[in-house]
Amino acid sequence: MRSRKTRWSKVYESSEEELIAFLESRKLVARRDTAEELSVKSQQISTSDVTFWCAEGSLTIRQDSTSVSLQPGDALTINANVPYDVRAGITGYVCYITG
């Protein structure tokens, strides 16, 4: 499997503060990442599994011909050594990245 989408929140309108508390409760160290509307970060690759935790806005992660959209409360884990592109939604995004 190349990626796995899950929900970190059971609430549709989750906040960044809730995500921070969620990550801290699980002792996960994450870095905050932001992007302006419709910007693209092409050809990303990580040597370890990486998880994107969406806090605000929206983003789409594309691997080969597969695209997965994330909204607040969503998380996507991408396996190591799999190239991917990240595209911000119409309002940009705030997400946290672990791995």
PDB file of N, CA and C in Angstrom:
ATOM      1  N   MET A   1       0.839  -1.167   0.000  1.00  0.00           N
ATOM      2  CA  MET A   1       0.000   0.000   0.000  1.00  0.00           C
ATOM      3  C   MET A   1       0.895   1.245   0.000  1.00  0.00           C
ATOM      4  N   ARG A   2       0.549   2.236  -0.803  1.00  0.00           N
ATOM      5  CA  ARG A   2       1.366   3.437  -0.945  1.00  0.00           C
ATOM      6  C   ARG A   2       0.931   4.546  -0.004  1.00  0.00           C
ATOM      7  N   SER A   3      -0.337   4.587   0.390  1.00  0.00           N
ATOM      8  CA  SER A   3      -0.810   5.602   1.330  1.00  0.00           C
ATOM      9  C   SER A   3      -2.081   5.119   2.012  1.00  0.00           C
ATOM     10  N   ARG A   4      -2.402   5.779   3.159  1.00  0.00           N
ATOM     11  CA  ARG A   4      -3.604   5.401   3.903  1.00  0.00           C
ATOM     12  C   ARG A   4      -4.215   6.656   4.514  1.00  0.00           C
ATOM     13  N   LYS A   5      -5.489   6.934   4.154  1.00  0.00           N
ATOM     14  CA  LYS A   5      -6.192   8.097   4.682  1.00  0.00           C
ATOM     15  C   LYS A   5      -7.045   7.675   5.877  1.00  0.00           C
ATOM     16  N   THR A   6      -6.998   8.500   6.943  1.00  0.00           N
ATOM     17  CA  THR A   6      -7.795   8.253   8.140  1.00  0.00           C
ATOM     18  C   THR A   6      -8.348   9.589   8.636  1.00  0.00           C
ATOM     19  N   ARG A   7      -9.139   9.525   9.704  1.00  0.00           N
ATOM     20  CA  ARG A   7      -9.628  10.729  10.376  1.00  0.00           C
ATOM     21  C   ARG A   7      -9.002  10.798  11.755  1.00  0.00           C
ATOM     22  N   TRP A   8      -8.402  11.934  12.095  1.00  0.00           N
ATOM     23  CA  TRP A   8      -7.893  12.116  13.452  1.00  0.00           C
ATOM     24  C   TRP A   8      -8.956  12.732  14.335  1.00  0.00           C
ATOM     25  N   SER A   9      -9.998  13.288  13.730  1.00  0.00           N
ATOM     26  CA  SER A   9     -11.076  13.924  14.484  1.00  0.00           C
ATOM     27  C   SER A   9     -12.416  13.357  14.057  1.00  0.00           C
ATOM     28  N   LYS A  10     -13.315  13.210  15.008  1.00  0.00           N
ATOM     29  CA  LYS A  10     -14.665  12.759  14.689  1.00  0.00           C
ATOM     30  C   LYS A  10     -15.583  13.952  14.424  1.00  0.00           C
ATOM     31  N   VAL A  11     -15.063  15.163  14.630  1.00  0.00           N
ATOM     32  CA  VAL A  11     -15.821  16.394  14.430  1.00  0.00           C
ATOM     33  C   VAL A  11     -15.471  16.968  13.067  1.00  0.00           C
ATOM     34  N   TYR A  12     -16.492  17.389  12.303  1.00  0.00           N
ATOM     35  CA  TYR A  12     -16.231  17.922  10.966  1.00  0.00           C
ATOM     36  C   TYR A  12     -15.415  19.212  11.023  1.00  0.00           C
ATOM     37  N   GLU A  13     -15.747  20.119  11.912  1.00  0.00           N
ATOM     38  CA  GLU A  13     -15.060  21.402  12.016  1.00  0.00           C
ATOM     39  C   GLU A  13     -13.992  21.348  13.105  1.00  0.00           C
ATOM     40  N   SER A  14     -12.897  20.708  12.838  1.00  0.00           N
ATOM     41  CA  SER A  14     -11.803  20.583  13.796  1.00  0.00           C
ATOM     42  C   SER A  14     -10.934  21.832  13.738  1.00  0.00           C
ATOM     43  N   SER A  15     -10.214  22.106  14.818  1.00  0.00           N
ATOM     44  CA  SER A  15      -9.348  23.281  14.857  1.00  0.00           C
ATOM     45  C   SER A  15      -7.889  22.870  14.983  1.00  0.00           C
ATOM     46  N   GLU A  16      -7.009  23.825  14.710  1.00  0.00           N
ATOM     47  CA  GLU A  16      -5.577  23.580  14.841  1.00  0.00           C
ATOM     48  C   GLU A  16      -5.217  23.245  16.288  1.00  0.00           C
ATOM     49  N   GLU A  17      -5.859  23.931  17.236  1.00  0.00           N
ATOM     50  CA  GLU A  17      -5.600  23.669  18.654  1.00  0.00           C
ATOM     51  C   GLU A  17      -5.947  22.228  19.022  1.00  0.00           C
ATOM     52  N   GLU A  18      -7.046  21.725  18.476  1.00  0.00           N
ATOM     53  CA  GLU A  18      -7.438  20.330  18.729  1.00  0.00           C
ATOM     54  C   GLU A  18      -6.404  19.364  18.169  1.00  0.00           C
ATOM     55  N   LEU A  19      -5.887  19.669  16.982  1.00  0.00           N
ATOM     56  CA  LEU A  19      -4.879  18.796  16.387  1.00  0.00           C
ATOM     57  C   LEU A  19      -3.608  18.799  17.227  1.00  0.00           C
ATOM     58  N   ILE A  20      -3.178  19.971  17.678  1.00  0.00           N
ATOM     59  CA  ILE A  20      -1.981  20.046  18.520  1.00  0.00           C
ATOM     60  C   ILE A  20      -2.159  19.195  19.775  1.00  0.00           C
ATOM     61  N   ALA A  21      -3.314  19.309  20.420  1.00  0.00           N
ATOM     62  CA  ALA A  21      -3.591  18.502  21.620  1.00  0.00           C
ATOM     63  C   ALA A  21      -3.600  17.013  21.285  1.00  0.00           C
ATOM     64  N   PHE A  22      -4.182  16.648  20.142  1.00  0.00           N
ATOM     65  CA  PHE A  22      -4.233  15.257  19.700  1.00  0.00           C
ATOM     66  C   PHE A  22      -2.815  14.707  19.529  1.00  0.00           C
ATOM     67  N   LEU A  23      -1.959  15.450  18.831  1.00  0.00           N
ATOM     68  CA  LEU A  23      -0.585  14.995  18.596  1.00  0.00           C
ATOM     69  C   LEU A  23       0.200  14.901  19.900  1.00  0.00           C
ATOM     70  N   GLU A  24       0.043  15.900  20.771  1.00  0.00           N
ATOM     71  CA  GLU A  24       0.740  15.878  22.056  1.00  0.00           C
ATOM     72  C   GLU A  24       0.288  14.703  22.918  1.00  0.00           C
ATOM     73  N   SER A  25      -1.003  14.385  22.900  1.00  0.00           N
ATOM     74  CA  SER A  25      -1.512  13.272  23.706  1.00  0.00           C
ATOM     75  C   SER A  25      -0.924  11.935  23.261  1.00  0.00           C
ATOM     76  N   ARG A  26      -0.515  11.858  22.014  1.00  0.00           N
ATOM     77  CA  ARG A  26       0.091  10.636  21.477  1.00  0.00           C
ATOM     78  C   ARG A  26       1.612  10.723  21.412  1.00  0.00           C
ATOM     79  N   LYS A  27       2.141  11.813  21.979  1.00  0.00           N
ATOM     80  CA  LYS A  27       3.591  12.039  22.023  1.00  0.00           C
ATOM     81  C   LYS A  27       4.233  12.018  20.631  1.00  0.00           C
ATOM     82  N   LEU A  28       3.508  12.576  19.651  1.00  0.00           N
ATOM     83  CA  LEU A  28       4.010  12.670  18.286  1.00  0.00           C
ATOM     84  C   LEU A  28       4.646  14.039  18.070  1.00  0.00           C
ATOM     85  N   VAL A  29       5.851  14.031  17.535  1.00  0.00           N
ATOM     86  CA  VAL A  29       6.552  15.272  17.221  1.00  0.00           C
ATOM     87  C   VAL A  29       6.243  15.603  15.768  1.00  0.00           C
ATOM     88  N   ALA A  30       5.717  16.798  15.562  1.00  0.00           N
ATOM     89  CA  ALA A  30       5.306  17.189  14.214  1.00  0.00           C
ATOM     90  C   ALA A  30       5.832  18.582  13.892  1.00  0.00           C
ATOM     91  N   ARG A  31       6.043  18.821  12.609  1.00  0.00           N
ATOM     92  CA  ARG A  31       6.413  20.164  12.180  1.00  0.00           C
ATOM     93  C   ARG A  31       5.211  20.779  11.460  1.00  0.00           C
ATOM     94  N   ARG A  32       5.016  22.055  11.679  1.00  0.00           N
ATOM     95  CA  ARG A  32       3.896  22.789  11.080  1.00  0.00           C
ATOM     96  C   ARG A  32       4.281  23.183   9.665  1.00  0.00           C
ATOM     97  N   ASP A  33       3.371  22.985   8.717  1.00  0.00           N
ATOM     98  CA  ASP A  33       3.599  23.332   7.322  1.00  0.00           C
ATOM     99  C   ASP A  33       2.403  24.130   6.829  1.00  0.00           C
ATOM    100  N   THR A  34       2.668  25.199   6.086  1.00  0.00           N
ATOM    101  CA  THR A  34       1.593  26.007   5.518  1.00  0.00           C
ATOM    102  C   THR A  34       1.849  26.237   4.039  1.00  0.00           C
ATOM    103  N   ALA A  35       0.787  26.580   3.327  1.00  0.00           N
ATOM    104  CA  ALA A  35       0.925  26.916   1.912  1.00  0.00           C
ATOM    105  C   ALA A  35      -0.163  27.906   1.530  1.00  0.00           C
ATOM    106  N   GLU A  36       0.180  28.790   0.618  1.00  0.00           N
ATOM    107  CA  GLU A  36      -0.778  29.751   0.068  1.00  0.00           C
ATOM    108  C   GLU A  36      -1.721  29.046  -0.898  1.00  0.00           C
ATOM    109  N   GLU A  37      -2.826  29.702  -1.206  1.00  0.00           N
ATOM    110  CA  GLU A  37      -3.827  29.090  -2.071  1.00  0.00           C
ATOM    111  C   GLU A  37      -3.245  28.626  -3.402  1.00  0.00           C
ATOM    112  N   LEU A  38      -3.640  27.415  -3.769  1.00  0.00           N
ATOM    113  CA  LEU A  38      -3.332  26.776  -5.042  1.00  0.00           C
ATOM    114  C   LEU A  38      -1.843  26.593  -5.329  1.00  0.00           C
ATOM    115  N   SER A  39      -0.985  26.751  -4.332  1.00  0.00           N
ATOM    116  CA  SER A  39       0.443  26.514  -4.562  1.00  0.00           C
ATOM    117  C   SER A  39       0.711  25.018  -4.654  1.00  0.00           C
ATOM    118  N   VAL A  40       1.838  24.670  -5.273  1.00  0.00           N
ATOM    119  CA  VAL A  40       2.192  23.266  -5.491  1.00  0.00           C
ATOM    120  C   VAL A  40       3.622  23.020  -5.003  1.00  0.00           C
ATOM    121  N   LYS A  41       3.787  21.931  -4.263  1.00  0.00           N
ATOM    122  CA  LYS A  41       5.116  21.461  -3.875  1.00  0.00           C
ATOM    123  C   LYS A  41       5.318  20.135  -4.620  1.00  0.00           C
ATOM    124  N   SER A  42       6.134  20.176  -5.674  1.00  0.00           N
ATOM    125  CA  SER A  42       6.292  19.022  -6.562  1.00  0.00           C
ATOM    126  C   SER A  42       7.421  18.105  -6.125  1.00  0.00           C
ATOM    127  N   GLN A  43       7.262  16.844  -6.504  1.00  0.00           N
ATOM    128  CA  GLN A  43       8.306  15.820  -6.345  1.00  0.00           C
ATOM    129  C   GLN A  43       8.892  15.753  -4.937  1.00  0.00           C
ATOM    130  N   GLN A  44       8.026  15.643  -3.960  1.00  0.00           N
ATOM    131  CA  GLN A  44       8.448  15.424  -2.583  1.00  0.00           C
ATOM    132  C   GLN A  44       8.723  13.927  -2.403  1.00  0.00           C
ATOM    133  N   ILE A  45       9.668  13.604  -1.539  1.00  0.00           N
ATOM    134  CA  ILE A  45       9.946  12.201  -1.227  1.00  0.00           C
ATOM    135  C   ILE A  45      10.597  12.156   0.153  1.00  0.00           C
ATOM    136  N   SER A  46      10.262  11.143   0.921  1.00  0.00           N
ATOM    137  CA  SER A  46      10.804  10.994   2.264  1.00  0.00           C
ATOM    138  C   SER A  46      11.419   9.609   2.401  1.00  0.00           C
ATOM    139  N   THR A  47      12.490   9.515   3.167  1.00  0.00           N
ATOM    140  CA  THR A  47      13.139   8.223   3.365  1.00  0.00           C
ATOM    141  C   THR A  47      12.451   7.396   4.461  1.00  0.00           C
ATOM    142  N   SER A  48      11.462   7.998   5.129  1.00  0.00           N
ATOM    143  CA  SER A  48      10.670   7.254   6.115  1.00  0.00           C
ATOM    144  C   SER A  48       9.193   7.553   5.862  1.00  0.00           C
ATOM    145  N   ASP A  49       8.308   6.737   6.429  1.00  0.00           N
ATOM    146  CA  ASP A  49       6.877   7.009   6.304  1.00  0.00           C
ATOM    147  C   ASP A  49       6.596   8.403   6.850  1.00  0.00           C
ATOM    148  N   VAL A  50       5.681   9.111   6.216  1.00  0.00           N
ATOM    149  CA  VAL A  50       5.334  10.465   6.619  1.00  0.00           C
ATOM    150  C   VAL A  50       3.805  10.575   6.687  1.00  0.00           C
ATOM    151  N   THR A  51       3.312  11.306   7.701  1.00  0.00           N
ATOM    152  CA  THR A  51       1.871  11.511   7.834  1.00  0.00           C
ATOM    153  C   THR A  51       1.567  12.994   7.812  1.00  0.00           C
ATOM    154  N   PHE A  52       0.607  13.372   6.973  1.00  0.00           N
ATOM    155  CA  PHE A  52       0.086  14.733   6.900  1.00  0.00           C
ATOM    156  C   PHE A  52      -1.187  14.785   7.726  1.00  0.00           C
ATOM    157  N   TRP A  53      -1.262  15.721   8.675  1.00  0.00           N
ATOM    158  CA  TRP A  53      -2.421  15.922   9.547  1.00  0.00           C
ATOM    159  C   TRP A  53      -3.002  17.282   9.193  1.00  0.00           C
ATOM    160  N   CYS A  54      -4.160  17.320   8.542  1.00  0.00           N
ATOM    161  CA  CYS A  54      -4.734  18.590   8.097  1.00  0.00           C
ATOM    162  C   CYS A  54      -5.429  19.300   9.260  1.00  0.00           C
ATOM    163  N   ALA A  55      -5.047  20.575   9.475  1.00  0.00           N
ATOM    164  CA  ALA A  55      -5.622  21.376  10.552  1.00  0.00           C
ATOM    165  C   ALA A  55      -6.576  22.452  10.025  1.00  0.00           C
ATOM    166  N   GLU A  56      -6.219  23.079   8.904  1.00  0.00           N
ATOM    167  CA  GLU A  56      -7.038  24.143   8.322  1.00  0.00           C
ATOM    168  C   GLU A  56      -6.916  24.105   6.808  1.00  0.00           C
ATOM    169  N   GLY A  57      -7.941  24.595   6.121  1.00  0.00           N
ATOM    170  CA  GLY A  57      -7.916  24.662   4.666  1.00  0.00           C
ATOM    171  C   GLY A  57      -8.065  23.287   4.046  1.00  0.00           C
ATOM    172  N   SER A  58      -7.417  23.103   2.913  1.00  0.00           N
ATOM    173  CA  SER A  58      -7.473  21.804   2.233  1.00  0.00           C
ATOM    174  C   SER A  58      -6.230  21.630   1.375  1.00  0.00           C
ATOM    175  N   LEU A  59      -5.916  20.375   1.104  1.00  0.00           N
ATOM    176  CA  LEU A  59      -4.802  20.050   0.240  1.00  0.00           C
ATOM    177  C   LEU A  59      -5.087  18.736  -0.465  1.00  0.00           C
ATOM    178  N   THR A  60      -4.434  18.557  -1.585  1.00  0.00           N
ATOM    179  CA  THR A  60      -4.535  17.319  -2.349  1.00  0.00           C
ATOM    180  C   THR A  60      -3.135  16.778  -2.533  1.00  0.00           C
ATOM    181  N   ILE A  61      -2.975  15.504  -2.222  1.00  0.00           N
ATOM    182  CA  ILE A  61      -1.684  14.844  -2.398  1.00  0.00           C
ATOM    183  C   ILE A  61      -1.830  13.848  -3.538  1.00  0.00           C
ATOM    184  N   ARG A  62      -0.935  13.979  -4.525  1.00  0.00           N
ATOM    185  CA  ARG A  62      -0.991  13.120  -5.701  1.00  0.00           C
ATOM    186  C   ARG A  62       0.224  12.216  -5.743  1.00  0.00           C
ATOM    187  N   GLN A  63      -0.045  10.912  -5.958  1.00  0.00           N
ATOM    188  CA  GLN A  63       0.997   9.905  -6.150  1.00  0.00           C
ATOM    189  C   GLN A  63       0.675   9.213  -7.463  1.00  0.00           C
ATOM    190  N   ASP A  64       1.572   9.318  -8.426  1.00  0.00           N
ATOM    191  CA  ASP A  64       1.311   8.784  -9.766  1.00  0.00           C
ATOM    192  C   ASP A  64      -0.009   9.348 -10.271  1.00  0.00           C
ATOM    193  N   SER A  65      -0.984   8.527 -10.568  1.00  0.00           N
ATOM    194  CA  SER A  65      -2.268   8.997 -11.091  1.00  0.00           C
ATOM    195  C   SER A  65      -3.357   9.039 -10.021  1.00  0.00           C
ATOM    196  N   THR A  66      -2.993   8.817  -8.758  1.00  0.00           N
ATOM    197  CA  THR A  66      -3.965   8.813  -7.663  1.00  0.00           C
ATOM    198  C   THR A  66      -3.855  10.101  -6.862  1.00  0.00           C
ATOM    199  N   SER A  67      -5.003  10.746  -6.615  1.00  0.00           N
ATOM    200  CA  SER A  67      -5.051  11.955  -5.809  1.00  0.00           C
ATOM    201  C   SER A  67      -5.945  11.734  -4.598  1.00  0.00           C
ATOM    202  N   VAL A  68      -5.504  12.243  -3.439  1.00  0.00           N
ATOM    203  CA  VAL A  68      -6.273  12.135  -2.205  1.00  0.00           C
ATOM    204  C   VAL A  68      -6.424  13.541  -1.630  1.00  0.00           C
ATOM    205  N   SER A  69      -7.666  13.959  -1.397  1.00  0.00           N
ATOM    206  CA  SER A  69      -7.934  15.277  -0.826  1.00  0.00           C
ATOM    207  C   SER A  69      -8.055  15.179   0.686  1.00  0.00           C
ATOM    208  N   LEU A  70      -7.499  16.180   1.380  1.00  0.00           N
ATOM    209  CA  LEU A  70      -7.569  16.242   2.840  1.00  0.00           C
ATOM    210  C   LEU A  70      -8.252  17.532   3.268  1.00  0.00           C
ATOM    211  N   GLN A  71      -9.130  17.403   4.246  1.00  0.00           N
ATOM    212  CA  GLN A  71      -9.821  18.521   4.885  1.00  0.00           C
ATOM    213  C   GLN A  71      -9.443  18.494   6.361  1.00  0.00           C
ATOM    214  N   PRO A  72      -9.777  19.543   7.129  1.00  0.00           N
ATOM    215  CA  PRO A  72      -9.497  19.498   8.568  1.00  0.00           C
ATOM    216  C   PRO A  72     -10.077  18.240   9.217  1.00  0.00           C
ATOM    217  N   GLY A  73      -9.263  17.559  10.001  1.00  0.00           N
ATOM    218  CA  GLY A  73      -9.661  16.303  10.643  1.00  0.00           C
ATOM    219  C   GLY A  73      -9.166  15.072   9.927  1.00  0.00           C
ATOM    220  N   ASP A  74      -8.631  15.249   8.703  1.00  0.00           N
ATOM    221  CA  ASP A  74      -8.113  14.122   7.926  1.00  0.00           C
ATOM    222  C   ASP A  74      -6.605  13.968   8.136  1.00  0.00           C
ATOM    223  N   ALA A  75      -6.128  12.744   7.954  1.00  0.00           N
ATOM    224  CA  ALA A  75      -4.691  12.455   7.974  1.00  0.00           C
ATOM    225  C   ALA A  75      -4.390  11.492   6.829  1.00  0.00           C
ATOM    226  N   LEU A  76      -3.214  11.624   6.262  1.00  0.00           N
ATOM    227  CA  LEU A  76      -2.783  10.726   5.190  1.00  0.00           C
ATOM    228  C   LEU A  76      -1.358  10.289   5.475  1.00  0.00           C
ATOM    229  N   THR A  77      -1.139   8.971   5.513  1.00  0.00           N
ATOM    230  CA  THR A  77       0.198   8.410   5.698  1.00  0.00           C
ATOM    231  C   THR A  77       0.706   7.939   4.346  1.00  0.00           C
ATOM    232  N   ILE A  78       1.915   8.371   4.015  1.00  0.00           N
ATOM    233  CA  ILE A  78       2.558   7.998   2.758  1.00  0.00           C
ATOM    234  C   ILE A  78       3.780   7.155   3.101  1.00  0.00           C
ATOM    235  N   ASN A  79       3.912   6.038   2.423  1.00  0.00           N
ATOM    236  CA  ASN A  79       5.051   5.154   2.665  1.00  0.00           C
ATOM    237  C   ASN A  79       6.366   5.797   2.233  1.00  0.00           C
ATOM    238  N   ALA A  80       7.440   5.359   2.840  1.00  0.00           N
ATOM    239  CA  ALA A  80       8.777   5.849   2.520  1.00  0.00           C
ATOM    240  C   ALA A  80       9.110   5.619   1.054  1.00  0.00           C
ATOM    241  N   ASN A  81       9.913   6.527   0.519  1.00  0.00           N
ATOM    242  CA  ASN A  81      10.465   6.420  -0.837  1.00  0.00           C
ATOM    243  C   ASN A  81       9.414   6.439  -1.936  1.00  0.00           C
ATOM    244  N   VAL A  82       8.244   6.995  -1.651  1.00  0.00           N
ATOM    245  CA  VAL A  82       7.189   7.140  -2.662  1.00  0.00           C
ATOM    246  C   VAL A  82       7.086   8.625  -3.011  1.00  0.00           C
ATOM    247  N   PRO A  83       7.350   8.999  -4.268  1.00  0.00           N
ATOM    248  CA  PRO A  83       7.253  10.409  -4.639  1.00  0.00           C
ATOM    249  C   PRO A  83       5.803  10.889  -4.632  1.00  0.00           C
ATOM    250  N   TYR A  84       5.621  12.164  -4.266  1.00  0.00           N
ATOM    251  CA  TYR A  84       4.278  12.738  -4.224  1.00  0.00           C
ATOM    252  C   TYR A  84       4.355  14.241  -4.435  1.00  0.00           C
ATOM    253  N   ASP A  85       3.244  14.818  -4.873  1.00  0.00           N
ATOM    254  CA  ASP A  85       3.089  16.256  -5.018  1.00  0.00           C
ATOM    255  C   ASP A  85       2.020  16.707  -4.034  1.00  0.00           C
ATOM    256  N   VAL A  86       2.153  17.925  -3.521  1.00  0.00           N
ATOM    257  CA  VAL A  86       1.176  18.491  -2.602  1.00  0.00           C
ATOM    258  C   VAL A  86       0.629  19.767  -3.229  1.00  0.00           C
ATOM    259  N   ARG A  87      -0.696  19.850  -3.385  1.00  0.00           N
ATOM    260  CA  ARG A  87      -1.345  21.033  -3.947  1.00  0.00           C
ATOM    261  C   ARG A  87      -2.289  21.616  -2.907  1.00  0.00           C
ATOM    262  N   ALA A  88      -2.114  22.895  -2.603  1.00  0.00           N
ATOM    263  CA  ALA A  88      -2.983  23.583  -1.655  1.00  0.00           C
ATOM    264  C   ALA A  88      -4.345  23.858  -2.293  1.00  0.00           C
ATOM    265  N   GLY A  89      -5.380  23.879  -1.460  1.00  0.00           N
ATOM    266  CA  GLY A  89      -6.721  24.212  -1.929  1.00  0.00           C
ATOM    267  C   GLY A  89      -6.879  25.706  -2.143  1.00  0.00           C
ATOM    268  N   ILE A  90      -8.120  26.151  -2.356  1.00  0.00           N
ATOM    269  CA  ILE A  90      -8.378  27.549  -2.716  1.00  0.00           C
ATOM    270  C   ILE A  90      -8.140  28.530  -1.578  1.00  0.00           C
ATOM    271  N   THR A  91      -8.012  28.041  -0.345  1.00  0.00           N
ATOM    272  CA  THR A  91      -7.692  28.928   0.775  1.00  0.00           C
ATOM    273  C   THR A  91      -6.331  28.584   1.390  1.00  0.00           C
ATOM    274  N   GLY A  92      -5.564  27.748   0.730  1.00  0.00           N
ATOM    275  CA  GLY A  92      -4.290  27.302   1.274  1.00  0.00           C
ATOM    276  C   GLY A  92      -4.525  26.235   2.338  1.00  0.00           C
ATOM    277  N   TYR A  93      -3.514  25.958   3.137  1.00  0.00           N
ATOM    278  CA  TYR A  93      -3.673  24.961   4.203  1.00  0.00           C
ATOM    279  C   TYR A  93      -2.699  25.207   5.342  1.00  0.00           C
ATOM    280  N   VAL A  94      -3.052  24.613   6.469  1.00  0.00           N
ATOM    281  CA  VAL A  94      -2.147  24.446   7.613  1.00  0.00           C
ATOM    282  C   VAL A  94      -2.207  22.966   7.937  1.00  0.00           C
ATOM    283  N   CYS A  95      -1.066  22.320   7.944  1.00  0.00           N
ATOM    284  CA  CYS A  95      -1.047  20.914   8.329  1.00  0.00           C
ATOM    285  C   CYS A  95       0.195  20.671   9.192  1.00  0.00           C
ATOM    286  N   TYR A  96       0.196  19.540   9.842  1.00  0.00           N
ATOM    287  CA  TYR A  96       1.332  19.116  10.652  1.00  0.00           C
ATOM    288  C   TYR A  96       1.836  17.821  10.023  1.00  0.00           C
ATOM    289  N   ILE A  97       3.146  17.660  10.034  1.00  0.00           N
ATOM    290  CA  ILE A  97       3.755  16.494   9.380  1.00  0.00           C
ATOM    291  C   ILE A  97       4.598  15.737  10.393  1.00  0.00           C
ATOM    292  N   THR A  98       4.347  14.444  10.493  1.00  0.00           N
ATOM    293  CA  THR A  98       5.143  13.565  11.353  1.00  0.00           C
ATOM    294  C   THR A  98       5.872  12.562  10.472  1.00  0.00           C
ATOM    295  N   GLY A  99       6.996  12.093  10.967  1.00  0.00           N
ATOM    296  CA  GLY A  99       7.737  11.054  10.259  1.00  0.00           C
ATOM    297  C   GLY A  99       9.010  11.557   9.675  1.00  0.00           C
TER     298      GLY A  99
END
